[in-house]
């Protein structure tokens, strides 16, 4: 399974960005896709995850109400709409995927990772 993420960039506080991630290869068993982020000097942290078949999603408290994750199940794509961005959202954002039906919030629960896309929010 390969994951290709895109959509990062440099924006100002309060702006919006939309990240995309597409899975390819042997994706038949992939049912959960999500986003993590890692800021300099910090550990990688969970942002949001979605179950492809049901569309149900989970969010970190820090982004609840500002970020929305969505998916195209047939194409094995997920999107992260990020609104009201804050400087503390600055990080490299990684797409991740796993089988099963549980949105895990720890990076070790995901065997497949994309290359990361930089999001920088200036104040």
N, C-alpha and C. Protein backbone atom coordinates (compact mmCIF):
# COMPACT_ATOMS: atom_id res chain seq x y z
N UNK A 1 0.85 -1.19 0.00
CA UNK A 1 0.00 0.00 0.00
C UNK A 1 0.89 1.24 0.00
N UNK A 2 0.59 2.15 -0.90
CA UNK A 2 1.31 3.42 -0.96
C UNK A 2 0.32 4.56 -0.70
N UNK A 3 0.78 5.55 0.04
CA UNK A 3 -0.04 6.71 0.34
C UNK A 3 0.64 7.96 -0.19
N UNK A 4 -0.14 8.78 -0.89
CA UNK A 4 0.38 10.01 -1.48
C UNK A 4 -0.41 11.17 -0.92
N UNK A 5 0.25 12.01 -0.14
CA UNK A 5 -0.41 13.17 0.46
C UNK A 5 -0.04 14.43 -0.29
N UNK A 6 -0.95 15.39 -0.28
CA UNK A 6 -0.71 16.67 -0.94
C UNK A 6 -1.57 17.74 -0.30
N UNK A 7 -1.25 19.00 -0.60
CA UNK A 7 -2.11 20.11 -0.20
C UNK A 7 -1.57 21.03 0.86
N UNK A 8 -0.38 20.77 1.37
CA UNK A 8 0.17 21.65 2.38
C UNK A 8 0.56 23.00 1.81
N UNK A 9 0.99 23.90 2.70
CA UNK A 9 1.41 25.20 2.24
C UNK A 9 1.61 26.17 3.39
N UNK A 10 1.85 27.42 3.02
CA UNK A 10 2.05 28.50 3.99
C UNK A 10 0.83 29.41 3.96
N UNK A 11 0.19 29.57 5.12
CA UNK A 11 -1.00 30.41 5.22
C UNK A 11 -0.89 31.28 6.46
N UNK A 12 -1.83 32.21 6.58
CA UNK A 12 -1.88 33.06 7.76
C UNK A 12 -2.90 32.51 8.75
N UNK A 13 -2.76 32.90 9.99
CA UNK A 13 -3.71 32.48 11.01
C UNK A 13 -5.13 32.86 10.59
N UNK A 14 -6.05 31.91 10.77
CA UNK A 14 -7.44 32.13 10.39
C UNK A 14 -7.78 31.63 9.00
N UNK A 15 -6.77 31.33 8.20
CA UNK A 15 -7.00 30.82 6.85
C UNK A 15 -7.37 29.34 6.87
N UNK A 16 -7.61 28.82 5.68
CA UNK A 16 -7.99 27.41 5.52
C UNK A 16 -7.04 26.71 4.55
N UNK A 17 -6.92 25.40 4.72
CA UNK A 17 -6.18 24.55 3.80
C UNK A 17 -6.91 23.22 3.70
N UNK A 18 -6.73 22.53 2.57
CA UNK A 18 -7.32 21.21 2.40
C UNK A 18 -6.23 20.24 1.99
N UNK A 19 -6.04 19.22 2.78
CA UNK A 19 -5.08 18.17 2.49
C UNK A 19 -5.80 16.98 1.84
N UNK A 20 -5.09 16.31 0.96
CA UNK A 20 -5.62 15.12 0.31
C UNK A 20 -4.64 13.97 0.47
N UNK A 21 -5.18 12.77 0.49
CA UNK A 21 -4.33 11.58 0.56
C UNK A 21 -4.99 10.47 -0.24
N UNK A 22 -4.21 9.87 -1.13
CA UNK A 22 -4.72 8.78 -1.94
C UNK A 22 -3.94 7.51 -1.67
N UNK A 23 -4.66 6.41 -1.48
CA UNK A 23 -4.03 5.11 -1.27
C UNK A 23 -4.05 4.34 -2.58
N UNK A 24 -2.96 3.62 -2.82
CA UNK A 24 -2.88 2.79 -4.02
C UNK A 24 -2.17 1.49 -3.68
N UNK A 25 -2.23 0.57 -4.61
CA UNK A 25 -1.65 -0.75 -4.37
C UNK A 25 -2.69 -1.73 -3.83
N UNK A 26 -2.30 -2.58 -2.91
CA UNK A 26 -3.21 -3.59 -2.34
C UNK A 26 -4.04 -2.96 -1.23
N UNK A 27 -5.09 -2.25 -1.63
CA UNK A 27 -5.87 -1.46 -0.68
C UNK A 27 -7.16 -2.13 -0.23
N UNK A 28 -7.40 -3.37 -0.66
CA UNK A 28 -8.69 -4.00 -0.40
C UNK A 28 -9.04 -4.01 1.08
N UNK A 29 -8.08 -4.29 1.94
CA UNK A 29 -8.35 -4.40 3.37
C UNK A 29 -8.27 -3.07 4.12
N UNK A 30 -7.87 -2.02 3.44
CA UNK A 30 -7.75 -0.73 4.12
C UNK A 30 -9.14 -0.18 4.44
N UNK A 31 -9.43 0.06 5.71
CA UNK A 31 -10.72 0.61 6.10
C UNK A 31 -10.60 1.86 6.95
N UNK A 32 -9.43 2.12 7.48
CA UNK A 32 -9.24 3.30 8.31
C UNK A 32 -8.09 4.12 7.73
N UNK A 33 -8.35 5.39 7.51
CA UNK A 33 -7.30 6.31 7.08
C UNK A 33 -7.36 7.54 7.97
N UNK A 34 -6.20 8.10 8.21
CA UNK A 34 -6.19 9.23 9.13
C UNK A 34 -5.01 10.14 8.90
N UNK A 35 -4.97 11.17 9.73
CA UNK A 35 -3.91 12.15 9.66
C UNK A 35 -3.24 12.30 11.03
N UNK A 36 -1.94 12.35 11.00
CA UNK A 36 -1.12 12.69 12.15
C UNK A 36 -0.31 13.91 11.79
N UNK A 37 0.26 14.55 12.79
CA UNK A 37 1.14 15.68 12.52
C UNK A 37 2.30 15.65 13.50
N UNK A 38 3.41 16.25 13.05
CA UNK A 38 4.60 16.30 13.88
C UNK A 38 5.25 17.66 13.73
N UNK A 39 5.30 18.38 14.85
CA UNK A 39 5.97 19.68 14.88
C UNK A 39 7.43 19.47 15.29
N UNK A 40 8.30 20.40 14.96
CA UNK A 40 9.72 20.25 15.32
C UNK A 40 9.90 20.03 16.82
N UNK A 41 10.66 19.00 17.17
CA UNK A 41 10.95 18.72 18.56
C UNK A 41 9.84 18.04 19.32
N UNK A 42 8.75 17.71 18.64
CA UNK A 42 7.62 17.08 19.31
C UNK A 42 7.34 15.70 18.72
N UNK A 43 6.58 14.92 19.45
CA UNK A 43 6.21 13.60 18.97
C UNK A 43 5.08 13.71 17.94
N UNK A 44 4.98 12.70 17.13
CA UNK A 44 3.90 12.65 16.15
C UNK A 44 2.58 12.45 16.91
N UNK A 45 1.57 13.25 16.55
CA UNK A 45 0.30 13.18 17.26
C UNK A 45 -0.87 13.00 16.31
N UNK A 46 -1.90 12.34 16.83
CA UNK A 46 -3.12 12.08 16.07
C UNK A 46 -3.88 13.37 15.83
N UNK A 47 -4.42 13.51 14.62
CA UNK A 47 -5.24 14.66 14.27
C UNK A 47 -6.69 14.22 14.03
N UNK A 48 -6.88 13.31 13.10
CA UNK A 48 -8.23 12.85 12.76
C UNK A 48 -8.13 11.52 12.02
N UNK A 49 -9.20 10.73 12.11
CA UNK A 49 -9.25 9.47 11.39
C UNK A 49 -10.68 9.17 10.98
N UNK A 50 -10.81 8.37 9.93
CA UNK A 50 -12.14 8.06 9.40
C UNK A 50 -12.20 6.61 8.94
N UNK A 51 -13.35 6.01 9.15
CA UNK A 51 -13.60 4.65 8.68
C UNK A 51 -14.18 4.76 7.28
N UNK A 52 -13.52 4.14 6.31
CA UNK A 52 -13.89 4.35 4.93
C UNK A 52 -15.29 3.81 4.63
N UNK A 53 -15.65 2.67 5.18
CA UNK A 53 -16.95 2.07 4.84
C UNK A 53 -18.10 2.85 5.45
N UNK A 54 -17.98 3.24 6.71
CA UNK A 54 -19.10 3.91 7.39
C UNK A 54 -19.04 5.42 7.29
N UNK A 55 -17.85 5.96 7.15
CA UNK A 55 -17.69 7.42 7.12
C UNK A 55 -17.61 8.04 8.50
N UNK A 56 -17.68 7.24 9.55
CA UNK A 56 -17.61 7.82 10.90
C UNK A 56 -16.18 8.22 11.20
N UNK A 57 -16.04 9.32 11.94
CA UNK A 57 -14.73 9.92 12.14
C UNK A 57 -14.47 10.24 13.61
N UNK A 58 -13.21 10.34 13.93
CA UNK A 58 -12.76 10.75 15.26
C UNK A 58 -11.75 11.89 15.10
N UNK A 59 -11.72 12.77 16.10
CA UNK A 59 -10.85 13.92 16.05
C UNK A 59 -10.09 14.11 17.36
N UNK A 60 -8.93 14.70 17.25
CA UNK A 60 -8.23 15.16 18.45
C UNK A 60 -8.97 16.37 19.00
N UNK A 61 -8.92 16.53 20.31
CA UNK A 61 -9.61 17.67 20.94
C UNK A 61 -9.12 19.00 20.40
N UNK A 62 -7.84 19.05 20.05
CA UNK A 62 -7.24 20.31 19.62
C UNK A 62 -7.75 20.80 18.27
N UNK A 63 -8.36 19.92 17.49
CA UNK A 63 -8.85 20.32 16.16
C UNK A 63 -10.36 20.16 16.01
N UNK A 64 -11.01 19.59 17.01
CA UNK A 64 -12.46 19.39 16.95
C UNK A 64 -13.16 20.71 16.68
N UNK A 65 -14.04 20.72 15.69
CA UNK A 65 -14.78 21.92 15.35
C UNK A 65 -14.10 22.81 14.33
N UNK A 66 -12.80 22.59 14.09
CA UNK A 66 -12.07 23.39 13.09
C UNK A 66 -11.70 22.54 11.88
N UNK A 67 -11.37 21.28 12.10
CA UNK A 67 -10.97 20.38 11.03
C UNK A 67 -12.08 19.39 10.74
N UNK A 68 -12.20 19.03 9.46
CA UNK A 68 -13.17 18.01 9.05
C UNK A 68 -12.49 17.01 8.13
N UNK A 69 -12.59 15.74 8.48
CA UNK A 69 -12.04 14.69 7.63
C UNK A 69 -13.20 14.07 6.84
N UNK A 70 -12.95 13.79 5.58
CA UNK A 70 -13.95 13.15 4.73
C UNK A 70 -13.26 12.14 3.84
N UNK A 71 -14.08 11.34 3.12
CA UNK A 71 -13.44 10.30 2.31
C UNK A 71 -14.23 10.01 1.06
N UNK A 72 -13.53 9.44 0.10
CA UNK A 72 -14.12 8.83 -1.08
C UNK A 72 -13.75 7.36 -0.96
N UNK A 73 -14.70 6.56 -0.52
CA UNK A 73 -14.42 5.16 -0.23
C UNK A 73 -13.97 4.42 -1.48
N UNK A 74 -14.67 4.62 -2.57
CA UNK A 74 -14.37 3.86 -3.78
C UNK A 74 -12.95 4.13 -4.28
N UNK A 75 -12.50 5.39 -4.13
CA UNK A 75 -11.18 5.76 -4.62
C UNK A 75 -10.11 5.66 -3.55
N UNK A 76 -10.49 5.27 -2.35
CA UNK A 76 -9.54 5.17 -1.24
C UNK A 76 -8.79 6.51 -1.07
N UNK A 77 -9.58 7.57 -0.98
CA UNK A 77 -9.00 8.89 -0.75
C UNK A 77 -9.60 9.50 0.51
N UNK A 78 -8.80 10.25 1.22
CA UNK A 78 -9.30 11.02 2.35
C UNK A 78 -8.85 12.47 2.20
N UNK A 79 -9.64 13.34 2.83
CA UNK A 79 -9.39 14.76 2.74
C UNK A 79 -9.46 15.34 4.16
N UNK A 80 -8.63 16.33 4.41
CA UNK A 80 -8.68 17.02 5.70
C UNK A 80 -8.87 18.51 5.43
N UNK A 81 -10.08 18.99 5.69
CA UNK A 81 -10.37 20.40 5.55
C UNK A 81 -10.02 21.08 6.87
N UNK A 82 -9.07 22.00 6.80
CA UNK A 82 -8.59 22.67 8.00
C UNK A 82 -8.99 24.14 7.94
N UNK A 83 -9.86 24.54 8.84
CA UNK A 83 -10.32 25.92 8.91
C UNK A 83 -9.81 26.58 10.18
N UNK A 84 -9.87 27.89 10.20
CA UNK A 84 -9.45 28.67 11.38
C UNK A 84 -8.10 28.21 11.88
N UNK A 85 -7.15 28.12 10.96
CA UNK A 85 -5.83 27.61 11.31
C UNK A 85 -5.13 28.53 12.29
N UNK A 86 -4.36 27.91 13.18
CA UNK A 86 -3.61 28.63 14.20
C UNK A 86 -2.12 28.35 14.03
N UNK A 87 -1.26 29.23 14.53
CA UNK A 87 0.19 28.96 14.43
C UNK A 87 0.57 27.61 15.05
N UNK A 88 -0.13 27.19 16.08
CA UNK A 88 0.19 25.91 16.71
C UNK A 88 -0.21 24.71 15.85
N UNK A 89 -0.87 24.94 14.74
CA UNK A 89 -1.17 23.85 13.80
C UNK A 89 0.01 23.60 12.86
N UNK A 90 1.02 24.43 12.94
CA UNK A 90 2.20 24.26 12.09
C UNK A 90 2.88 22.93 12.38
N UNK A 91 3.06 22.13 11.34
CA UNK A 91 3.65 20.80 11.49
C UNK A 91 3.77 20.16 10.11
N UNK A 92 4.46 19.03 10.08
CA UNK A 92 4.39 18.16 8.92
C UNK A 92 3.21 17.22 9.16
N UNK A 93 2.31 17.16 8.20
CA UNK A 93 1.11 16.33 8.32
C UNK A 93 1.32 15.05 7.52
N UNK A 94 1.03 13.93 8.17
CA UNK A 94 1.22 12.62 7.58
C UNK A 94 -0.11 11.90 7.45
N UNK A 95 -0.31 11.28 6.31
CA UNK A 95 -1.45 10.41 6.09
C UNK A 95 -1.06 8.99 6.51
N UNK A 96 -1.99 8.28 7.13
CA UNK A 96 -1.74 6.91 7.58
C UNK A 96 -2.94 6.03 7.28
N UNK A 97 -2.71 4.72 7.20
CA UNK A 97 -3.79 3.80 6.88
C UNK A 97 -3.59 2.47 7.59
N UNK A 98 -4.73 1.79 7.84
CA UNK A 98 -4.70 0.48 8.47
C UNK A 98 -5.95 -0.28 8.11
N UNK A 99 -5.94 -1.57 8.38
CA UNK A 99 -7.16 -2.35 8.21
C UNK A 99 -7.95 -2.31 9.51
N UNK A 100 -9.00 -3.10 9.62
CA UNK A 100 -9.81 -3.10 10.83
C UNK A 100 -10.83 -1.99 10.81
N UNK A 101 -11.43 -1.74 11.98
CA UNK A 101 -12.50 -0.76 12.08
C UNK A 101 -12.28 0.24 13.20
N UNK A 102 -11.08 0.24 13.74
CA UNK A 102 -10.80 1.13 14.87
C UNK A 102 -9.88 2.26 14.44
N UNK A 103 -10.29 3.48 14.76
CA UNK A 103 -9.41 4.63 14.51
C UNK A 103 -8.47 4.72 15.71
N UNK A 104 -7.27 4.23 15.53
CA UNK A 104 -6.29 4.29 16.60
C UNK A 104 -5.65 5.67 16.63
N UNK A 105 -5.28 6.11 17.82
CA UNK A 105 -4.70 7.44 17.96
C UNK A 105 -3.20 7.40 18.22
N UNK A 106 -2.60 6.23 18.08
CA UNK A 106 -1.16 6.10 18.24
C UNK A 106 -0.53 5.73 16.91
N UNK A 107 0.61 6.32 16.58
CA UNK A 107 1.23 6.06 15.28
C UNK A 107 1.58 4.59 15.07
N UNK A 108 1.89 3.88 16.13
CA UNK A 108 2.30 2.49 15.99
C UNK A 108 1.16 1.59 15.51
N UNK A 109 -0.05 2.09 15.52
CA UNK A 109 -1.18 1.30 15.06
C UNK A 109 -1.37 1.30 13.56
N UNK A 110 -0.56 2.05 12.85
CA UNK A 110 -0.72 2.21 11.41
C UNK A 110 0.51 1.68 10.68
N UNK A 111 0.34 0.68 9.84
CA UNK A 111 1.48 0.12 9.11
C UNK A 111 1.85 0.90 7.85
N UNK A 112 0.93 1.72 7.37
CA UNK A 112 1.17 2.42 6.11
C UNK A 112 1.17 3.93 6.32
N UNK A 113 2.19 4.59 5.71
CA UNK A 113 2.36 6.03 5.90
C UNK A 113 2.69 6.71 4.59
N UNK A 114 2.19 7.93 4.45
CA UNK A 114 2.59 8.78 3.33
C UNK A 114 3.85 9.55 3.67
N UNK A 115 4.29 10.37 2.75
CA UNK A 115 5.57 11.05 2.86
C UNK A 115 5.53 12.32 3.69
N UNK A 116 4.35 12.83 4.01
CA UNK A 116 4.26 14.05 4.79
C UNK A 116 4.16 15.28 3.92
N UNK A 117 3.38 16.24 4.39
CA UNK A 117 3.25 17.51 3.69
C UNK A 117 3.29 18.63 4.74
N UNK A 118 4.07 19.67 4.44
CA UNK A 118 4.31 20.74 5.42
C UNK A 118 3.14 21.72 5.44
N UNK A 119 2.66 22.02 6.64
CA UNK A 119 1.67 23.07 6.85
C UNK A 119 2.29 24.10 7.79
N UNK A 120 2.38 25.33 7.32
CA UNK A 120 2.94 26.41 8.13
C UNK A 120 1.91 27.52 8.25
N UNK A 121 1.60 27.89 9.49
CA UNK A 121 0.62 28.93 9.76
C UNK A 121 1.33 30.09 10.45
N UNK A 122 1.34 31.23 9.80
CA UNK A 122 2.01 32.40 10.36
C UNK A 122 1.00 33.24 11.16
N UNK A 123 1.51 33.91 12.16
CA UNK A 123 0.63 34.72 13.02
C UNK A 123 0.51 36.15 12.50
